[in-house]
Amino acid sequence: MSAAGPGGTGPGGAGSAGGDGGSGRAERRLELVASPHLKAPDSTPRIMWTVVVTLVPVVVAAAWNFGPSALLVIGFATLGAMVTERWLGPGGALRDGSAAITGLLLGLTLPAGLPVWMAFAGGAVGIGFGKLIFGGLGQNVFNPALLGRAFLQAAFPAAMTTWPLPTGAELPGGGVMAWSTLRGGTFALPLLGSRVDAVTGPTPLGLMKFESVGTEVSDLFMGTISGSIGETSALLILVGGAYLALKNYLNWRIPVSVFAAVAILSSAIHAVSPAAFPGAPFMLFSGGLMLGAIYMATDMVTSPVTNVGAWIYGAGIGALVVLIRFWGGLPEGVMYAILLMNALVPFINRATQPRVFGTGKVAEASP
């Protein structure tokens, strides 16, 4: 509702014919505006920064597990994403928090010994080619953090598959890995080899795939293992995901369907050949499945908008993860599974579009 005329009077002025008889009260008229008429308290920046807050405990656990190198890799990946957003994106885009989330998630998927310039480049590619080239926030087809990681995987395969030992791990020459020790060539110059030799170890997925050696589920659950920075604590990731689901900031059907598909398919294959293929507990808590299913597959922009589509999308990711881990050339498959299903989201949305309320099926035209 708004005043109909200037000075708080009606169209004819105070005391005019058809007015309020000189009372000085403003006439009111009905104002029609476009929908929506109700504004929810949540906004894009609020949702994005809430996700960032839930990732803080995961980053702290990563820093505890891999020392200062983890913080440097995460920091430079985030810096690369935010600098690119600020330089190429629209004005004020940094305030919505999407670039910060991209950098944090990318950093958590990287090895702790990765040179920081590579992490920076991955963040820049993730935002530039994974988001801005499609038109910005809400227009991208693929998850920007995973697209940045895919670029690094293709450009620097050796660095991306070098896994430093966690804090407290036994060193080959005796002693244990100190927290303050930098992992690998953190400060290596761009496009030059590092002079620092990294003390590395195999990941649980690598041990299982190439040597058929399992890892204790308790170690996988707490994250005291070699691997990506984000393979730190399934417990903290699950707690953060549960909070976001309660706030309705993610569709809980997606991670549940991912976990269900992985558990069911891996259990069935394990039952057929238990010596060659691990069971559901190992498959669920190893690698980047927890981080990918809860924080990346649920990206609002690159996931289905329908609940039926969410079930299909999550089940597809889980099935692809199992197939790639068991029969692919690499021990991990979460990144490729999510990116492949991202490409199918438009088709899933179209196939699962609900019927418009109040309408029926269109009758076929009679011959």
Protein backbone atom coordinates (compact mmCIF):
# COMPACT_ATOMS: atom_id res chain seq x y z
CA MET A 1 0.00 0.00 0.00
CA SER A 2 1.31 3.47 -0.81
CA ALA A 3 0.24 7.13 -0.67
CA ALA A 4 -1.73 8.15 -3.74
CA GLY A 5 -0.49 11.70 -4.15
CA PRO A 6 2.28 14.06 -3.13
CA GLY A 7 2.27 15.76 0.21
CA GLY A 8 0.12 13.01 1.72
CA THR A 9 -3.04 14.09 -0.14
CA GLY A 10 -5.25 12.50 -2.75
CA PRO A 11 -5.13 13.21 -6.48
CA GLY A 12 -7.22 16.37 -6.11
CA GLY A 13 -5.35 17.80 -3.13
CA ALA A 14 -6.68 18.38 0.37
CA GLY A 15 -10.38 19.18 0.48
CA SER A 16 -10.96 18.47 -3.22
CA ALA A 17 -14.08 16.81 -4.56
CA GLY A 18 -14.01 13.11 -3.93
CA GLY A 19 -11.36 13.68 -1.25
CA ASP A 20 -11.72 13.27 2.47
CA GLY A 21 -13.50 16.59 3.07
CA GLY A 22 -10.38 18.49 4.08
CA SER A 23 -9.41 16.13 6.87
CA GLY A 24 -5.84 15.99 5.56
CA ARG A 25 -5.73 12.21 5.68
CA ALA A 26 -4.05 10.53 2.67
CA GLU A 27 -6.15 8.41 0.41
CA ARG A 28 -4.81 4.89 -0.10
CA ARG A 29 -4.92 2.67 -3.13
CA LEU A 30 -4.19 -1.00 -3.73
CA GLU A 31 -0.69 -1.54 -5.08
CA LEU A 32 -0.10 -4.64 -7.21
CA VAL A 33 3.44 -6.02 -7.34
CA ALA A 34 4.98 -9.12 -8.85
CA SER A 35 5.48 -12.27 -6.79
CA PRO A 36 6.94 -13.52 -4.55
CA HIS A 37 5.16 -11.65 -1.79
CA LEU A 38 6.76 -13.54 1.09
CA LYS A 39 10.48 -13.25 1.73
CA ALA A 40 12.24 -16.08 3.51
CA PRO A 41 14.80 -15.16 6.17
CA ASP A 42 17.49 -17.16 4.36
CA SER A 43 19.48 -15.58 1.56
CA THR A 44 22.22 -16.80 -0.74
CA PRO A 45 25.03 -15.19 1.32
CA ARG A 46 23.57 -16.56 4.55
CA ILE A 47 23.42 -20.09 3.16
CA MET A 48 26.90 -19.90 1.65
CA TRP A 49 28.59 -18.55 4.75
CA THR A 50 26.79 -21.10 6.91
CA VAL A 51 28.32 -23.83 4.76
CA VAL A 52 31.72 -22.16 5.22
CA VAL A 53 31.25 -22.22 9.00
CA THR A 54 30.44 -25.94 8.99
CA LEU A 55 33.67 -26.55 7.07
CA VAL A 56 35.81 -24.84 9.72
CA PRO A 57 36.02 -27.93 11.99
CA VAL A 58 36.99 -30.02 8.96
CA VAL A 59 39.78 -27.57 8.12
CA VAL A 60 40.99 -27.62 11.74
CA ALA A 61 41.09 -31.42 11.71
CA ALA A 62 42.96 -31.32 8.40
CA ALA A 63 45.53 -28.92 9.86
CA TRP A 64 45.97 -31.19 12.87
CA ASN A 65 46.46 -34.20 10.61
CA PHE A 66 48.77 -32.69 7.97
CA GLY A 67 50.32 -29.69 9.68
CA PRO A 68 50.77 -26.17 8.28
CA SER A 69 51.01 -27.43 4.70
CA ALA A 70 47.30 -28.25 4.78
CA LEU A 71 46.43 -24.70 5.77
CA LEU A 72 48.69 -23.27 3.07
CA VAL A 73 47.16 -25.42 0.32
CA ILE A 74 43.60 -24.64 1.43
CA GLY A 75 44.44 -20.95 1.81
CA PHE A 76 45.98 -20.57 -1.65
CA ALA A 77 43.18 -22.53 -3.32
CA THR A 78 40.68 -20.18 -1.67
CA LEU A 79 42.78 -17.16 -2.60
CA GLY A 80 42.88 -18.23 -6.25
CA ALA A 81 39.11 -18.62 -6.32
CA MET A 82 38.41 -15.30 -4.62
CA VAL A 83 40.93 -13.30 -6.68
CA THR A 84 39.43 -14.63 -9.90
CA GLU A 85 35.90 -13.89 -8.66
CA ARG A 86 36.92 -10.35 -7.73
CA TRP A 87 38.80 -9.72 -10.97
CA LEU A 88 36.41 -11.28 -13.50
CA GLY A 89 33.12 -11.55 -11.64
CA PRO A 90 30.41 -8.93 -11.10
CA GLY A 91 30.87 -6.27 -8.46
CA GLY A 92 30.11 -7.43 -4.94
CA ALA A 93 30.20 -11.13 -5.90
CA LEU A 94 32.69 -11.96 -3.17
CA ARG A 95 30.15 -11.13 -0.49
CA ASP A 96 27.89 -14.07 -1.35
CA GLY A 97 30.50 -16.60 -0.17
CA SER A 98 30.34 -18.89 -3.20
CA ALA A 99 33.98 -18.29 -4.16
CA ALA A 100 35.11 -19.02 -0.60
CA ILE A 101 33.24 -22.33 -0.61
CA THR A 102 34.77 -23.28 -3.97
CA GLY A 103 38.27 -22.61 -2.70
CA LEU A 104 37.75 -24.42 0.61
CA LEU A 105 36.27 -27.51 -1.01
CA LEU A 106 38.95 -27.59 -3.69
CA GLY A 107 41.69 -27.30 -1.07
CA LEU A 108 40.20 -30.16 0.92
CA THR A 109 40.41 -32.45 -2.14
CA LEU A 110 44.13 -31.82 -2.69
CA PRO A 111 47.27 -33.47 -1.26
CA ALA A 112 48.88 -31.56 1.58
CA GLY A 113 52.24 -31.48 -0.23
CA LEU A 114 50.92 -29.82 -3.38
CA PRO A 115 52.83 -26.63 -4.31
CA VAL A 116 50.73 -23.64 -3.38
CA TRP A 117 50.92 -22.13 -6.85
CA MET A 118 49.14 -25.20 -8.19
CA ALA A 119 46.45 -24.82 -5.56
CA PHE A 120 46.04 -21.16 -6.55
CA ALA A 121 45.77 -22.12 -10.23
CA GLY A 122 43.16 -24.75 -9.41
CA GLY A 123 41.04 -22.20 -7.56
CA ALA A 124 41.31 -19.75 -10.46
CA VAL A 125 40.31 -22.37 -13.05
CA GLY A 126 37.46 -23.59 -10.85
CA ILE A 127 35.90 -20.13 -10.70
CA GLY A 128 36.86 -18.93 -14.18
CA PHE A 129 36.00 -22.03 -16.20
CA GLY A 130 33.66 -23.74 -13.79
CA LYS A 131 31.43 -20.81 -12.94
CA LEU A 132 32.00 -17.42 -14.60
CA ILE A 133 32.24 -18.75 -18.14
CA PHE A 134 28.70 -20.11 -17.76
CA GLY A 135 27.35 -16.76 -16.59
CA GLY A 136 28.10 -16.70 -12.88
CA LEU A 137 26.37 -17.99 -9.78
CA GLY A 138 23.39 -20.18 -10.56
CA GLN A 139 24.32 -20.80 -14.21
CA ASN A 140 27.16 -23.31 -13.99
CA VAL A 141 26.66 -26.91 -15.09
CA PHE A 142 29.53 -28.54 -13.17
CA ASN A 143 30.67 -28.19 -9.59
CA PRO A 144 33.42 -25.51 -9.77
CA ALA A 145 35.63 -27.05 -7.07
CA LEU A 146 35.64 -30.44 -8.77
CA LEU A 147 36.25 -28.86 -12.16
CA GLY A 148 39.30 -27.12 -10.67
CA ARG A 149 40.50 -30.44 -9.28
CA ALA A 150 39.94 -32.17 -12.62
CA PHE A 151 42.16 -29.53 -14.24
CA LEU A 152 44.92 -30.14 -11.69
CA GLN A 153 44.56 -33.91 -12.07
CA ALA A 154 45.05 -33.63 -15.83
CA ALA A 155 47.82 -31.00 -15.72
CA PHE A 156 49.88 -32.26 -12.76
CA PRO A 157 49.14 -35.98 -12.28
CA ALA A 158 52.34 -36.75 -10.37
CA ALA A 159 51.85 -33.97 -7.84
CA MET A 160 48.17 -34.84 -7.47
CA THR A 161 48.95 -38.46 -6.60
CA THR A 162 51.75 -37.81 -4.10
CA TRP A 163 50.31 -38.34 -0.62
CA PRO A 164 52.31 -37.05 2.39
CA LEU A 165 52.25 -38.91 5.69
CA PRO A 166 49.96 -37.62 8.45
CA THR A 167 51.24 -36.27 11.75
CA GLY A 168 52.53 -39.03 14.00
CA ALA A 169 53.13 -41.54 11.21
CA GLU A 170 56.33 -43.58 11.41
CA LEU A 171 59.14 -42.39 9.15
CA PRO A 172 61.19 -44.87 7.10
CA GLY A 173 64.43 -43.94 8.88
CA GLY A 174 62.93 -43.96 12.34
CA GLY A 175 60.98 -41.42 14.34
CA VAL A 176 57.59 -39.96 13.53
CA MET A 177 56.27 -37.21 11.29
CA ALA A 178 56.26 -33.94 13.22
CA TRP A 179 53.28 -31.60 12.96
CA SER A 180 55.41 -28.61 11.95
CA THR A 181 57.12 -30.42 9.07
CA LEU A 182 56.19 -29.10 5.64
CA ARG A 183 54.91 -31.87 3.39
CA GLY A 184 56.75 -31.87 0.07
CA GLY A 185 57.42 -28.87 -2.17
CA THR A 186 54.89 -26.48 -0.68
CA PHE A 187 56.81 -23.42 -1.82
CA ALA A 188 58.16 -24.80 -5.09
CA LEU A 189 58.41 -22.18 -7.82
CA PRO A 190 55.87 -22.31 -10.65
CA LEU A 191 56.71 -24.77 -13.44
CA LEU A 192 59.94 -25.80 -11.68
CA GLY A 193 60.68 -28.96 -9.77
CA SER A 194 60.87 -28.97 -6.00
CA ARG A 195 64.13 -29.43 -4.13
CA VAL A 196 62.29 -30.93 -1.17
CA ASP A 197 61.78 -34.68 -1.07
CA ALA A 198 58.39 -35.57 0.34
CA VAL A 199 57.93 -38.50 2.69
CA THR A 200 54.87 -40.16 1.25
CA GLY A 201 52.67 -43.14 1.90
CA PRO A 202 49.90 -45.03 0.09
CA THR A 203 46.27 -44.16 0.62
CA PRO A 204 43.82 -46.77 1.96
CA LEU A 205 42.18 -46.97 -1.46
CA GLY A 206 45.55 -47.47 -3.13
CA LEU A 207 46.53 -50.18 -0.68
CA MET A 208 43.26 -51.99 -1.24
CA LYS A 209 43.24 -51.68 -5.02
CA PHE A 210 46.87 -52.52 -5.77
CA GLU A 211 47.94 -54.62 -2.78
CA SER A 212 44.62 -55.97 -1.40
CA VAL A 213 45.50 -54.60 2.04
CA GLY A 214 42.69 -53.19 4.14
CA THR A 215 42.67 -50.33 6.66
CA GLU A 216 40.94 -50.21 10.02
CA VAL A 217 37.53 -48.58 9.78
CA SER A 218 38.26 -46.62 12.97
CA ASP A 219 41.27 -44.98 11.28
CA LEU A 220 39.15 -44.17 8.25
CA PHE A 221 36.41 -42.71 10.44
CA MET A 222 38.79 -40.43 12.34
CA GLY A 223 40.95 -39.59 9.33
CA THR A 224 44.41 -40.49 10.67
CA ILE A 225 45.51 -41.72 7.23
CA SER A 226 47.32 -40.62 4.11
CA GLY A 227 45.21 -39.09 1.40
CA SER A 228 43.58 -35.82 0.46
CA ILE A 229 43.43 -33.06 3.04
CA GLY A 230 39.67 -33.51 3.42
CA GLU A 231 39.97 -37.22 4.27
CA THR A 232 40.34 -36.09 7.87
CA SER A 233 37.28 -37.00 9.86
CA ALA A 234 34.10 -38.59 8.60
CA LEU A 235 32.58 -37.74 11.97
CA LEU A 236 33.00 -33.98 11.53
CA ILE A 237 31.78 -34.09 7.94
CA LEU A 238 28.66 -36.02 8.97
CA VAL A 239 27.93 -33.58 11.80
CA GLY A 240 28.26 -30.61 9.44
CA GLY A 241 26.07 -32.30 6.86
CA ALA A 242 23.39 -33.12 9.44
CA TYR A 243 23.28 -29.47 10.52
CA LEU A 244 22.91 -28.26 6.94
CA ALA A 245 20.15 -30.81 6.33
CA LEU A 246 18.29 -29.62 9.43
CA LYS A 247 18.57 -26.04 8.16
CA ASN A 248 17.28 -27.28 4.79
CA TYR A 249 20.42 -25.98 3.11
CA LEU A 250 20.97 -29.30 1.35
CA ASN A 251 18.68 -32.03 0.07
CA TRP A 252 19.32 -34.96 2.42
CA ARG A 253 18.07 -37.39 -0.22
CA ILE A 254 21.24 -36.93 -2.25
CA PRO A 255 23.85 -38.10 0.31
CA VAL A 256 21.50 -40.79 1.61
CA SER A 257 21.04 -42.21 -1.89
CA VAL A 258 24.78 -42.00 -2.56
CA PHE A 259 25.59 -43.92 0.61
CA ALA A 260 22.80 -46.43 0.01
CA ALA A 261 23.95 -47.15 -3.55
CA VAL A 262 27.57 -47.55 -2.47
CA ALA A 263 26.63 -49.80 0.46
CA ILE A 264 24.25 -52.02 -1.50
CA LEU A 265 26.37 -52.40 -4.63
CA SER A 266 29.69 -52.92 -2.81
CA SER A 267 28.10 -55.42 -0.42
CA ALA A 268 26.70 -57.44 -3.31
CA ILE A 269 30.04 -57.51 -5.13
CA HIS A 270 31.91 -58.26 -1.89
CA ALA A 271 29.60 -61.21 -1.25
CA VAL A 272 30.53 -62.68 -4.62
CA SER A 273 34.30 -62.15 -4.24
CA PRO A 274 35.24 -61.09 -0.68
CA ALA A 275 38.97 -61.51 -1.24
CA ALA A 276 39.10 -59.13 -4.19
CA PHE A 277 36.59 -56.44 -3.27
CA PRO A 278 36.08 -54.64 0.08
CA GLY A 279 32.73 -54.40 1.82
CA ALA A 280 30.46 -51.46 2.56
CA PRO A 281 32.20 -50.03 5.69
CA PHE A 282 35.51 -49.58 3.89
CA MET A 283 33.85 -48.16 0.78
CA LEU A 284 31.78 -45.65 2.75
CA PHE A 285 34.53 -44.21 4.95
CA SER A 286 37.52 -44.33 2.59
CA GLY A 287 38.59 -41.67 0.12
CA GLY A 288 36.59 -38.52 -0.49
CA LEU A 289 33.13 -40.10 -0.51
CA MET A 290 31.89 -38.38 2.66
CA LEU A 291 33.09 -34.92 1.62
CA GLY A 292 31.89 -35.37 -1.96
CA ALA A 293 28.44 -36.75 -1.12
CA ILE A 294 27.61 -34.18 1.55
CA TYR A 295 29.29 -30.98 0.37
CA MET A 296 29.74 -31.33 -3.40
CA ALA A 297 27.01 -33.55 -4.78
CA THR A 298 24.44 -31.44 -2.92
CA ASP A 299 25.44 -28.17 -4.60
CA MET A 300 22.09 -26.45 -5.22
CA VAL A 301 23.06 -25.26 -8.69
CA THR A 302 24.39 -28.53 -10.09
CA SER A 303 21.97 -31.00 -8.46
CA PRO A 304 18.36 -31.85 -9.43
CA VAL A 305 15.51 -29.66 -8.26
CA THR A 306 13.02 -32.51 -7.80
CA ASN A 307 13.06 -35.04 -4.98
CA VAL A 308 12.69 -37.97 -7.36
CA GLY A 309 15.56 -36.57 -9.37
CA ALA A 310 17.67 -36.28 -6.21
CA TRP A 311 17.26 -40.01 -5.54
CA ILE A 312 18.21 -40.88 -9.12
CA TYR A 313 21.15 -38.47 -9.13
CA GLY A 314 22.56 -39.75 -5.81
CA ALA A 315 22.14 -43.39 -6.75
CA GLY A 316 23.95 -42.74 -10.03
CA ILE A 317 26.87 -41.14 -8.19
CA GLY A 318 27.11 -44.04 -5.75
CA ALA A 319 27.01 -46.65 -8.52
CA LEU A 320 29.70 -44.85 -10.53
CA VAL A 321 31.95 -44.55 -7.46
CA VAL A 322 31.83 -48.31 -6.92
CA LEU A 323 32.39 -49.12 -10.59
CA ILE A 324 35.35 -46.74 -10.92
CA ARG A 325 36.97 -47.85 -7.67
CA PHE A 326 36.63 -51.55 -8.46
CA TRP A 327 37.36 -51.62 -12.20
CA GLY A 328 38.76 -48.20 -13.13
CA GLY A 329 42.41 -47.32 -13.54
CA LEU A 330 42.45 -45.02 -10.50
CA PRO A 331 41.66 -46.06 -6.93
CA GLU A 332 39.24 -43.14 -6.40
CA GLY A 333 36.21 -42.14 -8.43
CA VAL A 334 34.16 -39.60 -6.46
CA MET A 335 35.24 -36.60 -8.55
CA TYR A 336 34.44 -38.22 -11.89
CA ALA A 337 31.17 -39.70 -10.61
CA ILE A 338 29.85 -36.30 -9.48
CA LEU A 339 30.96 -34.49 -12.63
CA LEU A 340 29.38 -37.11 -14.88
CA MET A 341 26.10 -36.91 -13.00
CA ASN A 342 26.27 -33.09 -13.06
CA ALA A 343 26.12 -33.36 -16.84
CA LEU A 344 22.93 -35.44 -16.59
CA VAL A 345 21.10 -33.12 -14.19
CA PRO A 346 19.20 -31.17 -16.92
CA PHE A 347 17.89 -34.45 -18.32
CA ILE A 348 17.00 -35.74 -14.85
CA ASN A 349 15.10 -32.53 -14.12
CA ARG A 350 13.19 -32.81 -17.37
CA ALA A 351 12.31 -36.48 -16.84
CA THR A 352 11.15 -35.98 -13.24
CA GLN A 353 9.26 -32.71 -13.70
CA PRO A 354 6.05 -33.04 -11.67
CA ARG A 355 2.62 -32.49 -13.19
CA VAL A 356 1.32 -28.96 -12.77
CA PHE A 357 -1.23 -28.87 -9.94
CA GLY A 358 -4.80 -28.96 -11.22
CA THR A 359 -3.97 -30.32 -14.63
CA GLY A 360 -4.29 -33.80 -16.04
CA LYS A 361 -2.59 -35.77 -18.75
CA VAL A 362 -2.99 -34.34 -22.20
CA ALA A 363 -5.38 -36.52 -24.16
CA GLU A 364 -4.06 -38.00 -27.36
CA ALA A 365 -5.58 -36.54 -30.48
CA SER A 366 -8.06 -38.90 -32.09
CA PRO A 367 -7.22 -39.98 -35.64
